[in-house]
C-alpha atoms as a PDB file:
ATOM      1  CA  MET A   1       1.355  21.373  34.333  1.00  0.00           C
ATOM      2  CA  THR A   2       3.531  22.530  31.533  1.00  0.00           C
ATOM      3  CA  GLU A   3       4.246  20.071  28.667  1.00  0.00           C
ATOM      4  CA  PHE A   4       7.704  18.467  28.892  1.00  0.00           C
ATOM      5  CA  ALA A   5       9.760  18.021  25.677  1.00  0.00           C
ATOM      6  CA  ALA A   6      12.768  15.887  26.253  1.00  0.00           C
ATOM      7  CA  PRO A   7      15.886  17.755  24.699  1.00  0.00           C
ATOM      8  CA  LEU A   8      17.689  15.981  21.801  1.00  0.00           C
ATOM      9  CA  PRO A   9      21.384  15.464  22.112  1.00  0.00           C
ATOM     10  CA  ILE A  10      23.677  17.958  20.762  1.00  0.00           C
ATOM     11  CA  MET A  11      25.155  15.431  18.254  1.00  0.00           C
ATOM     12  CA  ALA A  12      22.236  13.186  17.416  1.00  0.00           C
ATOM     13  CA  ARG A  13      22.639  10.842  14.460  1.00  0.00           C
ATOM     14  CA  TYR A  14      19.518   9.537  12.806  1.00  0.00           C
ATOM     15  CA  ALA A  15      18.243   7.480   9.903  1.00  0.00           C
ATOM     16  CA  VAL A  16      14.939   8.134   7.927  1.00  0.00           C
ATOM     17  CA  MET A  17      13.104   5.057   7.028  1.00  0.00           C
ATOM     18  CA  VAL A  18      10.373   5.141   4.573  1.00  0.00           C
ATOM     19  CA  ASP A  19       7.775   2.430   3.861  1.00  0.00           C
ATOM     20  CA  VAL A  20       7.184   3.500   0.175  1.00  0.00           C
ATOM     21  CA  GLY A  21       4.012   1.340  -0.110  1.00  0.00           C
ATOM     22  CA  TYR A  22       2.561   3.094   2.821  1.00  0.00           C
ATOM     23  CA  ILE A  23       3.407   6.692   1.813  1.00  0.00           C
ATOM     24  CA  TYR A  24       2.368   6.312  -1.702  1.00  0.00           C
ATOM     25  CA  ALA A  25      -0.926   4.580  -1.088  1.00  0.00           C
ATOM     26  CA  ALA A  26      -1.791   6.906   1.824  1.00  0.00           C
ATOM     27  CA  ALA A  27      -0.914  10.074  -0.184  1.00  0.00           C
ATOM     28  CA  GLY A  28      -2.873   8.699  -3.168  1.00  0.00           C
ATOM     29  CA  GLU A  29      -5.910   8.123  -1.047  1.00  0.00           C
ATOM     30  CA  LEU A  30      -5.690  11.609   0.441  1.00  0.00           C
ATOM     31  CA  LEU A  31      -4.983  13.592  -2.728  1.00  0.00           C
ATOM     32  CA  PHE A  32      -6.809  11.625  -5.393  1.00  0.00           C
ATOM     33  CA  GLY A  33      -9.022   9.062  -3.654  1.00  0.00           C
ATOM     34  CA  SER A  34      -7.015   6.229  -4.896  1.00  0.00           C
ATOM     35  CA  SER A  35      -4.199   4.039  -3.400  1.00  0.00           C
ATOM     36  CA  SER A  36      -3.425   2.483  -6.852  1.00  0.00           C
ATOM     37  CA  ARG A  37      -0.180   3.545  -8.159  1.00  0.00           C
ATOM     38  CA  ARG A  38      -1.300   3.436 -11.827  1.00  0.00           C
ATOM     39  CA  ASP A  39      -3.696   6.447 -10.960  1.00  0.00           C
ATOM     40  CA  PHE A  40      -0.944   8.809 -10.159  1.00  0.00           C
ATOM     41  CA  ARG A  41       2.682   9.537 -10.702  1.00  0.00           C
ATOM     42  CA  VAL A  42       5.191  10.418  -8.007  1.00  0.00           C
ATOM     43  CA  ASP A  43       8.278  12.658  -8.452  1.00  0.00           C
ATOM     44  CA  ALA A  44      10.316  10.638  -5.945  1.00  0.00           C
ATOM     45  CA  VAL A  45      13.771  12.312  -6.082  1.00  0.00           C
ATOM     46  CA  PRO A  46      12.316  15.840  -4.867  1.00  0.00           C
ATOM     47  CA  LEU A  47       9.965  14.089  -2.561  1.00  0.00           C
ATOM     48  CA  ILE A  48      13.008  12.352  -0.805  1.00  0.00           C
ATOM     49  CA  GLN A  49      15.035  15.709  -0.709  1.00  0.00           C
ATOM     50  CA  VAL A  50      11.908  17.466   0.994  1.00  0.00           C
ATOM     51  CA  ILE A  51      11.416  14.781   3.585  1.00  0.00           C
ATOM     52  CA  THR A  52      15.300  14.814   4.491  1.00  0.00           C
ATOM     53  CA  LYS A  53      14.930  18.526   4.799  1.00  0.00           C
ATOM     54  CA  HIS A  54      12.051  18.192   7.192  1.00  0.00           C
ATOM     55  CA  ALA A  55      13.790  15.716   9.299  1.00  0.00           C
ATOM     56  CA  ASP A  56      16.855  18.007   9.418  1.00  0.00           C
ATOM     57  CA  GLU A  57      14.685  20.776  10.851  1.00  0.00           C
ATOM     58  CA  VAL A  58      12.970  18.441  13.380  1.00  0.00           C
ATOM     59  CA  ILE A  59      15.882  16.405  14.617  1.00  0.00           C
ATOM     60  CA  ARG A  60      18.969  18.454  15.243  1.00  0.00           C
ATOM     61  CA  GLY A  61      22.133  16.309  14.239  1.00  0.00           C
ATOM     62  CA  GLU A  62      23.761  14.288  11.484  1.00  0.00           C
ATOM     63  CA  LEU A  63      21.786  12.193   8.884  1.00  0.00           C
ATOM     64  CA  LEU A  64      23.169   8.698   8.604  1.00  0.00           C
ATOM     65  CA  ARG A  65      21.015   7.919   5.373  1.00  0.00           C
ATOM     66  CA  VAL A  66      17.630   7.575   4.187  1.00  0.00           C
ATOM     67  CA  TYR A  67      16.453   4.061   3.719  1.00  0.00           C
ATOM     68  CA  TRP A  68      13.858   3.778   0.868  1.00  0.00           C
ATOM     69  CA  TYR A  69      11.834   0.462   1.085  1.00  0.00           C
ATOM     70  CA  ASP A  70       9.986  -0.300  -2.068  1.00  0.00           C
ATOM     71  CA  ALA A  71       9.201  -3.427  -4.036  1.00  0.00           C
ATOM     72  CA  ALA A  72       9.631  -4.665  -7.516  1.00  0.00           C
ATOM     73  CA  ARG A  73       8.954  -7.907  -9.486  1.00  0.00           C
ATOM     74  CA  ASP A  74      11.652 -10.452  -8.619  1.00  0.00           C
ATOM     75  CA  ARG A  75      13.357  -7.578  -7.014  1.00  0.00           C
ATOM     76  CA  VAL A  76      14.435  -6.272 -10.427  1.00  0.00           C
ATOM     77  CA  PRO A  77      14.371  -2.383 -10.086  1.00  0.00           C
ATOM     78  CA  THR A  78      12.355  -0.078 -12.378  1.00  0.00           C
ATOM     79  CA  ILE A  79      13.942   2.849 -13.959  1.00  0.00           C
ATOM     80  CA  ASP A  80      12.649   5.081 -11.312  1.00  0.00           C
ATOM     81  CA  GLN A  81      14.131   2.970  -8.578  1.00  0.00           C
ATOM     82  CA  ARG A  82      17.512   2.815 -10.290  1.00  0.00           C
ATOM     83  CA  VAL A  83      17.440   6.617 -10.266  1.00  0.00           C
ATOM     84  CA  ILE A  84      16.626   6.706  -6.613  1.00  0.00           C
ATOM     85  CA  ALA A  85      19.540   4.090  -5.914  1.00  0.00           C
ATOM     86  CA  GLN A  86      21.862   6.675  -7.297  1.00  0.00           C
ATOM     87  CA  MET A  87      21.072   9.469  -4.956  1.00  0.00           C
ATOM     88  CA  PRO A  88      23.638  10.272  -2.295  1.00  0.00           C
ATOM     89  CA  TRP A  89      22.787   9.286   1.301  1.00  0.00           C
ATOM     90  CA  VAL A  90      19.905   7.126   0.037  1.00  0.00           C
ATOM     91  CA  LYS A  91      19.744   3.366   0.389  1.00  0.00           C
ATOM     92  CA  LEU A  92      17.271   1.571  -1.834  1.00  0.00           C
ATOM     93  CA  ARG A  93      15.829  -1.749  -0.343  1.00  0.00           C
ATOM     94  CA  LEU A  94      13.575  -3.905  -2.445  1.00  0.00           C
ATOM     95  CA  GLY A  95      11.195  -6.225  -1.464  1.00  0.00           C
ATOM     96  CA  ASN A  96       9.346  -8.687  -4.052  1.00  0.00           C
ATOM     97  CA  LEU A  97       6.114  -7.696  -5.792  1.00  0.00           C
ATOM     98  CA  ASN A  98       3.657 -10.553  -5.970  1.00  0.00           C
ATOM     99  CA  ALA A  99       1.104 -11.263  -8.560  1.00  0.00           C
ATOM    100  CA  ARG A 100      -1.440  -9.046  -6.989  1.00  0.00           C
ATOM    101  CA  GLY A 101       0.701  -6.041  -6.685  1.00  0.00           C
ATOM    102  CA  GLN A 102       1.290  -6.555  -3.023  1.00  0.00           C
ATOM    103  CA  GLN A 103       4.869  -6.099  -1.634  1.00  0.00           C
ATOM    104  CA  LYS A 104       6.459  -8.814   0.301  1.00  0.00           C
ATOM    105  CA  GLY A 105       9.372  -8.848   2.490  1.00  0.00           C
ATOM    106  CA  VAL A 106       9.516  -4.958   3.270  1.00  0.00           C
ATOM    107  CA  ASP A 107       8.339  -5.103   6.723  1.00  0.00           C
ATOM    108  CA  ALA A 108      11.069  -7.671   7.654  1.00  0.00           C
ATOM    109  CA  GLN A 109      13.755  -5.409   6.033  1.00  0.00           C
ATOM    110  CA  ILE A 110      12.753  -2.415   7.870  1.00  0.00           C
ATOM    111  CA  ARG A 111      12.666  -4.331  11.156  1.00  0.00           C
ATOM    112  CA  ALA A 112      16.063  -5.786  10.451  1.00  0.00           C
ATOM    113  CA  ASP A 113      17.597  -2.621   9.629  1.00  0.00           C
ATOM    114  CA  MET A 114      16.398  -0.591  12.452  1.00  0.00           C
ATOM    115  CA  GLU A 115      17.260  -3.272  15.142  1.00  0.00           C
ATOM    116  CA  ALA A 116      20.678  -3.629  13.647  1.00  0.00           C
ATOM    117  CA  LEU A 117      21.477   0.098  13.522  1.00  0.00           C
ATOM    118  CA  ALA A 118      20.341   0.460  17.072  1.00  0.00           C
ATOM    119  CA  ARG A 119      22.164  -2.603  18.325  1.00  0.00           C
ATOM    120  CA  HIS A 120      25.381  -1.188  16.902  1.00  0.00           C
ATOM    121  CA  ARG A 121      24.948   2.299  18.267  1.00  0.00           C
ATOM    122  CA  ALA A 122      25.034   3.635  14.669  1.00  0.00           C
ATOM    123  CA  ILE A 123      22.043   6.167  15.292  1.00  0.00           C
ATOM    124  CA  THR A 124      20.428   7.809  18.367  1.00  0.00           C
ATOM    125  CA  ASP A 125      17.129   8.480  16.470  1.00  0.00           C
ATOM    126  CA  SER A 126      15.165   7.106  13.692  1.00  0.00           C
ATOM    127  CA  VAL A 127      12.357   8.673  11.685  1.00  0.00           C
ATOM    128  CA  LEU A 128       9.877   5.903  10.658  1.00  0.00           C
ATOM    129  CA  ILE A 129       7.345   6.660   7.908  1.00  0.00           C
ATOM    130  CA  ALA A 130       4.824   3.653   8.050  1.00  0.00           C
ATOM    131  CA  GLY A 131       1.653   2.625   9.271  1.00  0.00           C
ATOM    132  CA  ASP A 132       1.645  -1.202   9.844  1.00  0.00           C
ATOM    133  CA  GLU A 133       1.369  -2.766  13.230  1.00  0.00           C
ATOM    134  CA  ASP A 134       4.194  -5.212  12.150  1.00  0.00           C
ATOM    135  CA  MET A 135       6.570  -2.370  12.796  1.00  0.00           C
ATOM    136  CA  VAL A 136       5.882  -2.402  16.485  1.00  0.00           C
ATOM    137  CA  PRO A 137       8.649  -4.930  17.350  1.00  0.00           C
ATOM    138  CA  ALA A 138      11.027  -3.069  15.416  1.00  0.00           C
ATOM    139  CA  VAL A 139      10.311   0.172  17.486  1.00  0.00           C
ATOM    140  CA  GLU A 140      10.463  -1.859  20.762  1.00  0.00           C
ATOM    141  CA  ALA A 141      13.765  -3.258  19.853  1.00  0.00           C
ATOM    142  CA  ALA A 142      15.309  -0.018  18.810  1.00  0.00           C
ATOM    143  CA  GLN A 143      13.994   1.673  22.042  1.00  0.00           C
ATOM    144  CA  ALA A 144      15.525  -1.204  24.068  1.00  0.00           C
ATOM    145  CA  PHE A 145      19.049  -0.010  22.823  1.00  0.00           C
ATOM    146  CA  GLY A 146      18.366   3.603  23.572  1.00  0.00           C
ATOM    147  CA  VAL A 147      17.148   4.828  20.002  1.00  0.00           C
ATOM    148  CA  ARG A 148      14.242   7.363  19.965  1.00  0.00           C
ATOM    149  CA  VAL A 149      11.788   6.608  17.231  1.00  0.00           C
ATOM    150  CA  HIS A 150       9.819   9.387  15.595  1.00  0.00           C
ATOM    151  CA  LEU A 151       6.718   8.053  13.769  1.00  0.00           C
ATOM    152  CA  TRP A 152       5.668  10.172  10.752  1.00  0.00           C
ATOM    153  CA  GLY A 153       2.268   9.342   9.157  1.00  0.00           C
ATOM    154  CA  ILE A 154       0.321  10.727   6.170  1.00  0.00           C
ATOM    155  CA  GLU A 155      -2.839  12.980   6.834  1.00  0.00           C
ATOM    156  CA  PRO A 156      -5.719  10.364   6.402  1.00  0.00           C
ATOM    157  CA  PRO A 157      -8.986  11.616   4.574  1.00  0.00           C
ATOM    158  CA  TYR A 158     -10.988   9.995   7.162  1.00  0.00           C
ATOM    159  CA  GLY A 159     -10.287   7.643  10.285  1.00  0.00           C
ATOM    160  CA  THR A 160      -6.648   6.819  10.581  1.00  0.00           C
ATOM    161  CA  ASN A 161      -4.139   4.992   8.368  1.00  0.00           C
ATOM    162  CA  GLN A 162      -1.678   3.910  11.053  1.00  0.00           C
ATOM    163  CA  ALA A 163      -1.974   1.261  13.533  1.00  0.00           C
ATOM    164  CA  GLU A 164      -2.971   2.405  16.834  1.00  0.00           C
ATOM    165  CA  HIS A 165      -0.435   0.256  18.741  1.00  0.00           C
ATOM    166  CA  LEU A 166       2.353   1.669  16.479  1.00  0.00           C
ATOM    167  CA  VAL A 167       1.281   5.114  17.395  1.00  0.00           C
ATOM    168  CA  TRP A 168       1.351   4.289  21.100  1.00  0.00           C
ATOM    169  CA  GLU A 169       4.876   2.774  21.157  1.00  0.00           C
ATOM    170  CA  SER A 170       6.509   5.638  19.153  1.00  0.00           C
ATOM    171  CA  ASP A 171       8.416   8.440  21.026  1.00  0.00           C
ATOM    172  CA  THR A 172       6.948  11.196  18.916  1.00  0.00           C
ATOM    173  CA  VAL A 173       4.390  11.340  16.184  1.00  0.00           C
ATOM    174  CA  ASP A 174       4.106  13.665  13.421  1.00  0.00           C
ATOM    175  CA  VAL A 175       1.797  14.038  10.218  1.00  0.00           C
ATOM    176  CA  LEU A 176       2.818  15.077   6.642  1.00  0.00           C
ATOM    177  CA  ASP A 177      -0.263  17.030   5.237  1.00  0.00           C
ATOM    178  CA  GLY A 178      -1.625  17.538   1.767  1.00  0.00           C
ATOM    179  CA  SER A 179       0.141  20.717   1.234  1.00  0.00           C
ATOM    180  CA  PHE A 180       3.328  18.952   2.066  1.00  0.00           C
ATOM    181  CA  LEU A 181       2.825  16.033  -0.444  1.00  0.00           C
ATOM    182  CA  ARG A 182       0.782  17.605  -3.200  1.00  0.00           C
ATOM    183  CA  PRO A 183       3.777  19.092  -5.266  1.00  0.00           C
ATOM    184  CA  TYR A 184       5.263  15.598  -5.735  1.00  0.00           C
ATOM    185  CA  PHE A 185       2.140  13.691  -6.805  1.00  0.00           C
ATOM    186  CA  THR A 186       0.338  14.035 -10.082  1.00  0.00           C
ATOM    187  CA  LYS A 187      -2.935  12.428 -11.113  1.00  0.00           C
ATOM    188  CA  THR A 188      -2.270  10.188 -14.147  1.00  0.00           C
ATOM    189  CA  PRO A 189      -4.631  11.217 -17.083  1.00  0.00           C
ATOM    190  CA  VAL A 190      -7.512   8.852 -17.766  1.00  0.00           C
ATOM    191  CA  ALA A 191      -6.397   8.306 -21.323  1.00  0.00           C
ATOM    192  CA  ALA A 192      -2.881   7.196 -20.010  1.00  0.00           C
ATOM    193  CA  VAL A 193      -4.495   4.915 -17.464  1.00  0.00           C
ATOM    194  CA  GLU A 194      -6.559   3.288 -20.244  1.00  0.00           C
ATOM    195  CA  ALA A 195      -3.549   2.952 -22.503  1.00  0.00           C
ATOM    196  CA  ALA A 196      -1.646   1.205 -19.617  1.00  0.00           C
ATOM    197  CA  ARG A 197      -4.230  -1.333 -19.291  1.00  0.00           C
ATOM    198  CA  SER A 198      -4.479  -1.830 -23.031  1.00  0.00           C
ATOM    199  CA  ASP A 199      -0.723  -2.430 -22.993  1.00  0.00           C
ATOM    200  CA  ALA A 200      -1.271  -4.960 -20.273  1.00  0.00           C
ATOM    201  CA  ALA A 201      -3.766  -6.804 -22.118  1.00  0.00           C
ATOM    202  CA  LEU A 202      -1.489  -6.798 -25.375  1.00  0.00           C
ATOM    203  CA  GLY A 203       1.340  -8.025 -23.365  1.00  0.00           C
ATOM    204  CA  SER A 204       3.555  -4.907 -24.181  1.00  0.00           C
ATOM    205  CA  SER A 205       5.829  -3.560 -21.556  1.00  0.00           C
ATOM    206  CA  PRO A 206       5.769   0.143 -20.524  1.00  0.00           C
ATOM    207  CA  THR A 207       8.927   1.850 -19.267  1.00  0.00           C
ATOM    208  CA  VAL A 208       7.838   1.853 -15.760  1.00  0.00           C
ATOM    209  CA  PRO A 209       5.240  -0.848 -15.267  1.00  0.00           C
ATOM    210  CA  SER A 210       2.612  -0.844 -12.561  1.00  0.00           C
ATOM    211  CA  PRO A 211       1.569  -4.101 -10.907  1.00  0.00           C
ATOM    212  CA  ALA A 212      -1.524  -4.275 -13.162  1.00  0.00           C
ATOM    213  CA  GLN A 213       0.653  -3.874 -16.274  1.00  0.00           C
ATOM    214  CA  LEU A 214       3.225  -6.353 -14.933  1.00  0.00           C
ATOM    215  CA  PHE A 215       0.638  -9.136 -14.355  1.00  0.00           C
ATOM    216  CA  GLY A 216      -2.110  -8.279 -16.875  1.00  0.00           C
ATOM    217  CA  GLU A 217      -0.937 -11.113 -19.279  1.00  0.00           C
ATOM    218  CA  ARG A 218      -0.576 -13.608 -16.555  1.00  0.00           C
ATOM    219  CA  HIS A 219      -4.473 -12.863 -15.354  1.00  0.00           C
ATOM    220  CA  THR A 220      -5.374 -13.184 -19.019  1.00  0.00           C
ATOM    221  CA  ARG A 221      -4.179 -16.751 -19.370  1.00  0.00           C
ATOM    222  CA  SER A 222      -5.078 -18.137 -15.949  1.00  0.00           C
ATOM    223  CA  THR A 223      -8.242 -19.702 -14.982  1.00  0.00           C
ATOM    224  CA  SER A 224     -10.619 -18.315 -12.364  1.00  0.00           C
ATOM    225  CA  ARG A 225     -10.605 -19.143  -8.654  1.00  0.00           C
ATOM    226  CA  THR A 226     -13.745 -21.054  -8.864  1.00  0.00           C
ATOM    227  CA  GLY A 227     -12.671 -23.553 -11.697  1.00  0.00           C
ATOM    228  CA  GLY A 228     -12.994 -23.921 -15.356  1.00  0.00           C
ATOM    229  CA  HIS A 229     -14.629 -20.600 -16.316  1.00  0.00           C
ATOM    230  CA  PRO A 230     -12.510 -18.302 -18.523  1.00  0.00           C
ATOM    231  CA  ILE A 231     -10.703 -15.326 -17.037  1.00  0.00           C
ATOM    232  CA  LEU A 232     -11.211 -11.679 -17.720  1.00  0.00           C
ATOM    233  CA  SER A 233      -8.793  -9.956 -19.979  1.00  0.00           C
ATOM    234  CA  ASN A 234      -8.340  -6.293 -20.456  1.00  0.00           C
ATOM    235  CA  THR A 235      -9.299  -4.761 -23.809  1.00  0.00           C
ATOM    236  CA  GLY A 236      -9.443  -1.032 -22.835  1.00  0.00           C
ATOM    237  CA  GLY A 237     -11.834   0.722 -20.512  1.00  0.00           C
ATOM    238  CA  PHE A 238     -14.141  -2.468 -20.080  1.00  0.00           C
ATOM    239  CA  PRO A 239     -12.463  -5.834 -20.286  1.00  0.00           C
ATOM    240  CA  ALA A 240     -13.977  -8.879 -22.172  1.00  0.00           C
ATOM    241  CA  ILE A 241     -13.914 -12.541 -21.367  1.00  0.00           C
ATOM    242  CA  ARG A 242     -11.577 -14.795 -23.401  1.00  0.00           C
ATOM    243  CA  ASP A 243     -14.041 -17.585 -24.352  1.00  0.00           C
ATOM    244  CA  THR A 244     -14.228 -20.352 -26.692  1.00  0.00           C
ATOM    245  CA  GLY A 245     -17.388 -19.012 -28.320  1.00  0.00           C
ATOM    246  CA  PRO A 246     -17.437 -16.639 -31.183  1.00  0.00           C
ATOM    247  CA  MET A 247     -18.980 -13.606 -29.327  1.00  0.00           C
ATOM    248  CA  PRO A 248     -17.093 -12.134 -26.141  1.00  0.00           C
ATOM    249  CA  ARG A 249     -19.408 -10.623 -23.612  1.00  0.00           C
ATOM    250  CA  LEU A 250     -18.428  -7.679 -21.418  1.00  0.00           C
ATOM    251  CA  GLY A 251     -17.458  -7.989 -17.791  1.00  0.00           C
ATOM    252  CA  PRO A 252     -15.591  -6.281 -14.950  1.00  0.00           C
ATOM    253  CA  ASP A 253     -11.776  -6.562 -14.669  1.00  0.00           C
ATOM    254  CA  ARG A 254     -10.485  -8.844 -11.980  1.00  0.00           C
ATOM    255  CA  ILE A 255      -7.678  -6.850 -10.720  1.00  0.00           C
ATOM    256  CA  ARG A 256      -9.938  -3.661 -10.482  1.00  0.00           C
ATOM    257  CA  VAL A 257     -12.496  -5.687  -8.568  1.00  0.00           C
ATOM    258  CA  GLU A 258     -10.005  -7.104  -6.106  1.00  0.00           C
ATOM    259  CA  GLU A 259      -8.617  -3.586  -5.638  1.00  0.00           C
ATOM    260  CA  ALA A 260     -12.112  -2.314  -4.845  1.00  0.00           C
ATOM    261  CA  GLY A 261     -12.566  -5.293  -2.433  1.00  0.00           C
ATOM    262  CA  GLU A 262      -9.461  -4.376  -0.502  1.00  0.00           C
ATOM    263  CA  HIS A 263     -10.129  -0.680  -0.400  1.00  0.00           C
ATOM    264  CA  VAL A 264     -13.703  -1.185   0.926  1.00  0.00           C
ATOM    265  CA  ALA A 265     -12.171  -3.483   3.521  1.00  0.00           C
ATOM    266  CA  GLN A 266      -9.652  -0.822   4.361  1.00  0.00           C
ATOM    267  CA  LYS A 267     -12.488   1.895   5.011  1.00  0.00           C
ATOM    268  CA  TRP A 268     -14.431  -0.885   7.184  1.00  0.00           C
ATOM    269  CA  ILE A 269     -11.217  -1.348   9.297  1.00  0.00           C
ATOM    270  CA  LEU A 270     -10.619   2.420   9.689  1.00  0.00           C
ATOM    271  CA  THR A 271     -14.216   3.224  10.674  1.00  0.00           C
ATOM    272  CA  ARG A 272     -15.149   0.154  12.644  1.00  0.00           C
ATOM    273  CA  GLY A 273     -11.755  -1.294  13.756  1.00  0.00           C
ATOM    274  CA  ARG A 274     -10.923  -4.334  15.945  1.00  0.00           C
ATOM    275  CA  ASP A 275     -13.704  -3.737  18.455  1.00  0.00           C
ATOM    276  CA  ASN A 276     -16.110  -4.674  15.756  1.00  0.00           C
ATOM    277  CA  ILE A 277     -14.515  -7.568  14.181  1.00  0.00           C
ATOM    278  CA  ARG A 278     -17.203  -9.945  15.778  1.00  0.00           C
ATOM    279  CA  ASP A 279     -19.594  -8.147  13.204  1.00  0.00           C
ATOM    280  CA  LEU A 280     -17.913 -10.359  10.590  1.00  0.00           C
ATOM    281  CA  LEU A 281     -17.829 -13.722  12.396  1.00  0.00           C
ATOM    282  CA  PRO A 282     -18.142 -16.558  12.103  1.00  0.00           C
ATOM    283  CA  GLY A 283     -17.395 -16.127   8.490  1.00  0.00           C
ATOM    284  CA  PRO A 284     -16.463 -16.820   5.717  1.00  0.00           C
ATOM    285  CA  ILE A 285     -19.681 -15.723   4.520  1.00  0.00           C
ATOM    286  CA  LEU A 286     -20.257 -11.976   5.238  1.00  0.00           C
ATOM    287  CA  PRO A 287     -23.321 -11.050   7.053  1.00  0.00           C
ATOM    288  CA  PRO A 288     -26.068  -9.631   4.695  1.00  0.00           C
ATOM    289  CA  VAL A 289     -25.896  -6.023   5.740  1.00  0.00           C
ATOM    290  CA  ILE A 290     -22.107  -5.819   5.353  1.00  0.00           C
ATOM    291  CA  ASP A 291     -22.067  -7.793   1.973  1.00  0.00           C
ATOM    292  CA  LYS A 292     -24.502  -5.323   0.644  1.00  0.00           C
ATOM    293  CA  GLU A 293     -22.376  -2.411   1.850  1.00  0.00           C
ATOM    294  CA  LEU A 294     -19.354  -3.918   0.138  1.00  0.00           C
ATOM    295  CA  LEU A 295     -21.145  -4.625  -3.157  1.00  0.00           C
ATOM    296  CA  VAL A 296     -22.713  -0.958  -3.184  1.00  0.00           C
ATOM    297  CA  ASP A 297     -19.466   0.782  -2.343  1.00  0.00           C
ATOM    298  CA  ALA A 298     -17.403  -1.292  -4.862  1.00  0.00           C
ATOM    299  CA  GLU A 299     -19.844  -0.586  -7.607  1.00  0.00           C
ATOM    300  CA  LYS A 300     -19.603   3.109  -6.836  1.00  0.00           C
ATOM    301  CA  GLU A 301     -15.758   2.875  -7.041  1.00  0.00           C
ATOM    302  CA  LEU A 302     -15.641   0.769 -10.135  1.00  0.00           C
ATOM    303  CA  GLY A 303     -18.555   2.763 -12.000  1.00  0.00           C
ATOM    304  CA  LEU A 304     -20.368  -0.257 -12.989  1.00  0.00           C
ATOM    305  CA  SER A 305     -22.727  -2.918 -11.684  1.00  0.00           C
ATOM    306  CA  LEU A 306     -21.462  -6.328 -10.448  1.00  0.00           C
ATOM    307  CA  ARG A 307     -24.785  -7.749  -9.935  1.00  0.00           C
ATOM    308  CA  PRO A 308     -24.918  -9.854 -13.285  1.00  0.00           C
ATOM    309  CA  TYR A 309     -21.395 -11.382 -12.427  1.00  0.00           C
ATOM    310  CA  GLN A 310     -21.358 -13.949  -9.852  1.00  0.00           C
ATOM    311  CA  GLU A 311     -17.691 -14.665 -10.173  1.00  0.00           C
ATOM    312  CA  ALA A 312     -16.742 -10.976  -9.940  1.00  0.00           C
ATOM    313  CA  ARG A 313     -18.715 -10.656  -6.539  1.00  0.00           C
ATOM    314  CA  GLU A 314     -16.748 -13.644  -5.315  1.00  0.00           C
ATOM    315  CA  TRP A 315     -13.443 -11.922  -6.164  1.00  0.00           C
ATOM    316  CA  LEU A 316     -14.813  -8.895  -4.260  1.00  0.00           C
ATOM    317  CA  ARG A 317     -15.650 -10.844  -1.178  1.00  0.00           C
ATOM    318  CA  ASP A 318     -12.264 -12.802  -1.436  1.00  0.00           C
ATOM    319  CA  ALA A 319     -10.398  -9.554  -1.498  1.00  0.00           C
ATOM    320  CA  PHE A 320     -12.164  -8.097   1.223  1.00  0.00           C
ATOM    321  CA  TRP A 321     -11.549 -11.173   3.564  1.00  0.00           C
ATOM    322  CA  GLU A 322      -7.840 -11.132   2.531  1.00  0.00           C
ATOM    323  CA  ARG A 323      -7.466  -7.576   3.666  1.00  0.00           C
ATOM    324  CA  VAL A 324      -9.201  -8.273   6.885  1.00  0.00           C
ATOM    325  CA  HIS A 325      -7.184 -11.337   7.500  1.00  0.00           C
ATOM    326  CA  ARG A 326      -3.902  -9.267   7.138  1.00  0.00           C
ATOM    327  CA  GLU A 327      -5.027  -6.741   9.542  1.00  0.00           C
ATOM    328  CA  PHE A 328      -6.589  -9.128  12.280  1.00  0.00           C
ATOM    329  CA  GLY A 329      -4.557 -12.399  11.687  1.00  0.00           C
ATOM    330  CA  ILE A 330      -7.743 -14.505  11.092  1.00  0.00           C
ATOM    331  CA  SER A 331      -8.118 -17.017   8.355  1.00  0.00           C
ATOM    332  CA  LEU A 332     -11.774 -18.048   7.511  1.00  0.00           C
ATOM    333  CA  GLY A 333     -11.546 -19.380   3.951  1.00  0.00           C
ATOM    334  CA  ARG A 334     -13.041 -18.194   0.793  1.00  0.00           C
ATOM    335  CA  SER A 335     -16.296 -16.300   0.587  1.00  0.00           C
ATOM    336  CA  ARG A 336     -18.518 -18.413  -1.582  1.00  0.00           C
ATOM    337  CA  GLY A 337     -22.306 -17.662  -1.754  1.00  0.00           C
END
């Protein structure tokens, strides 16, 4: 039986809806092995242009506009985001960036826009660049109004970086590979990354702050999750504890440890998935084998040992559980032990 491809209408009208958090993190993981924005720079304007050109080649019709969903602290746009907002046919949508560098409110904006455009017959097709399963209701709602949803993803270095249910529900699926993305992503020099961390520790503000830079000062002044112990503060490549004693001692940076915990959790989810969630239960204490894997993988990523730092290992486990909670919708408390 020959493969059937439904023809597009002669006068299709479409929107391109981009979850920037997804595309940046997935491309960074693919190209540089890191999903942290401070580890690479993105030339967003030509990236948007090439995505628009590709959409025009795939969907014959008229572009309504590109919706660029990103996040910023208190929804105050950065310089780069202001430039994007001024591009023709581009609508910048900003969610909030919380203290851990996580974007909030973006998924809801995508769902609201996609459903509204479909309901008012403003589009016949939607190109969605996203990976979160939370997008499934938006896809189903748009399809109920007759809109075709074309899901684009980023080539994963391993496993998958898009929810299986989201892939199932979409009308067509495409993948943007490394050669498509590489011209617009540049690895940040190590010296620049270390300088940014130093800026954060000193309270200075770079031109386009990263989440770590935005909240470095806040972490310096706060107490730890477990009580009255002093928090770790950045002082360059290796941070030092702000203590009342005369001599600081070296220790890992909290933000880097939490990022490593989320990264290892993401790898676990991609390789083992929903069918193996029982391996983590009953929680909140991780099974010894998985706890050891988490520690070993995180130490490789961080380039230092966490064995002497009980508090840092708790940060690591907490970040792992929080990522699992977001994926599977379970809540098992903090991972003490």
